[in-house]
Amino acid sequence: MLVKGGRFKMISNIFTTLLEIAQAFINFLVGMFTALQDLIWTAGTGNEPGSLTFIGTLILLSAGAGLVMWGIDLIRSLIRIRRD
């Protein structure tokens, strides 16, 4: 049998552990996005604005092409639904 207050301590320990896991995961995501930012964007200095890197340009072009393809597929599926 648990001593008086033992359950609350156990629950507190569980939530403390879950909080530490969540914080570690969030720190991992922040570090990953910071590293990706340097890969995609070059920060400006002084009065010069920042600019996209070559990889950042390719990412934007592929995202745009993907959106166009998604739009075309959506229109094709709507036309197919209307014919049936």
Protein backbone atom coordinates (compact mmCIF):
# COMPACT_ATOMS: atom_id res chain seq x y z
CA MET A 1 0.00 0.00 0.00
CA LEU A 2 1.22 3.45 -0.79
CA VAL A 3 2.09 5.78 2.00
CA LYS A 4 -0.01 8.86 2.54
CA GLY A 5 0.53 11.27 -0.36
CA GLY A 6 2.44 8.65 -2.36
CA ARG A 7 -0.09 8.62 -5.21
CA PHE A 8 0.10 12.35 -5.68
CA LYS A 9 3.89 12.21 -5.74
CA MET A 10 3.76 9.43 -8.33
CA ILE A 11 1.33 11.40 -10.52
CA SER A 12 3.47 14.49 -10.10
CA ASN A 13 6.54 12.53 -11.19
CA ILE A 14 4.71 11.20 -14.26
CA PHE A 15 3.65 14.68 -15.34
CA THR A 16 7.13 16.07 -14.64
CA THR A 17 8.61 13.37 -16.88
CA LEU A 18 6.04 14.08 -19.62
CA LEU A 19 6.85 17.79 -19.39
CA GLU A 20 10.57 17.08 -19.76
CA ILE A 21 9.91 14.90 -22.80
CA ALA A 22 7.72 17.60 -24.39
CA GLN A 23 10.36 20.26 -23.73
CA ALA A 24 13.09 18.10 -25.27
CA PHE A 25 10.92 17.51 -28.36
CA ILE A 26 10.17 21.22 -28.73
CA ASN A 27 13.86 22.07 -28.34
CA PHE A 28 14.64 19.52 -31.06
CA LEU A 29 12.09 21.09 -33.43
CA VAL A 30 13.39 24.61 -32.75
CA GLY A 31 16.96 23.50 -33.44
CA MET A 32 15.89 21.74 -36.63
CA PHE A 33 14.02 24.78 -37.97
CA THR A 34 16.91 27.07 -37.08
CA ALA A 35 19.29 24.85 -39.04
CA LEU A 36 16.86 24.73 -41.97
CA GLN A 37 16.51 28.49 -41.95
CA ASP A 38 20.23 28.88 -42.59
CA LEU A 39 19.94 26.43 -45.48
CA ILE A 40 17.04 28.30 -47.11
CA TRP A 41 17.57 31.98 -46.26
CA THR A 42 20.61 34.23 -46.11
CA ALA A 43 20.08 37.07 -43.65
CA GLY A 44 20.71 40.61 -44.81
CA THR A 45 23.29 42.92 -43.30
CA GLY A 46 22.76 46.60 -42.67
CA ASN A 47 20.52 48.10 -45.33
CA GLU A 48 20.73 45.07 -47.62
CA PRO A 49 17.73 42.75 -47.48
CA GLY A 50 18.07 39.01 -47.00
CA SER A 51 17.84 36.63 -49.94
CA LEU A 52 16.90 33.08 -50.74
CA THR A 53 19.62 30.54 -51.28
CA PHE A 54 19.63 28.24 -54.30
CA ILE A 55 17.98 25.49 -52.25
CA GLY A 56 15.38 27.95 -50.95
CA THR A 57 14.51 28.93 -54.52
CA LEU A 58 14.15 25.28 -55.52
CA ILE A 59 11.89 24.64 -52.51
CA LEU A 60 9.60 27.54 -53.45
CA LEU A 61 9.47 26.45 -57.09
CA SER A 62 8.61 22.86 -56.15
CA ALA A 63 5.94 24.05 -53.69
CA GLY A 64 4.40 26.21 -56.42
CA ALA A 65 4.47 23.34 -58.93
CA GLY A 66 2.86 21.06 -56.35
CA LEU A 67 0.05 23.57 -55.74
CA VAL A 68 -0.58 23.91 -59.48
CA MET A 69 -0.70 20.12 -59.89
CA TRP A 70 -3.06 19.84 -56.91
CA GLY A 71 -5.34 22.48 -58.44
CA ILE A 72 -5.40 20.72 -61.81
CA ASP A 73 -6.22 17.37 -60.15
CA LEU A 74 -9.00 19.02 -58.14
CA ILE A 75 -10.56 20.52 -61.26
CA ARG A 76 -10.27 17.19 -63.10
CA SER A 77 -11.99 15.35 -60.24
CA LEU A 78 -14.80 17.93 -60.15
CA ILE A 79 -15.35 17.53 -63.89
CA ARG A 80 -15.44 13.75 -63.48
CA ILE A 81 -18.03 14.02 -60.69
CA ARG A 82 -20.21 16.26 -62.84
CA ARG A 83 -20.17 13.81 -65.79
CA ASP A 84 -21.36 10.88 -63.63
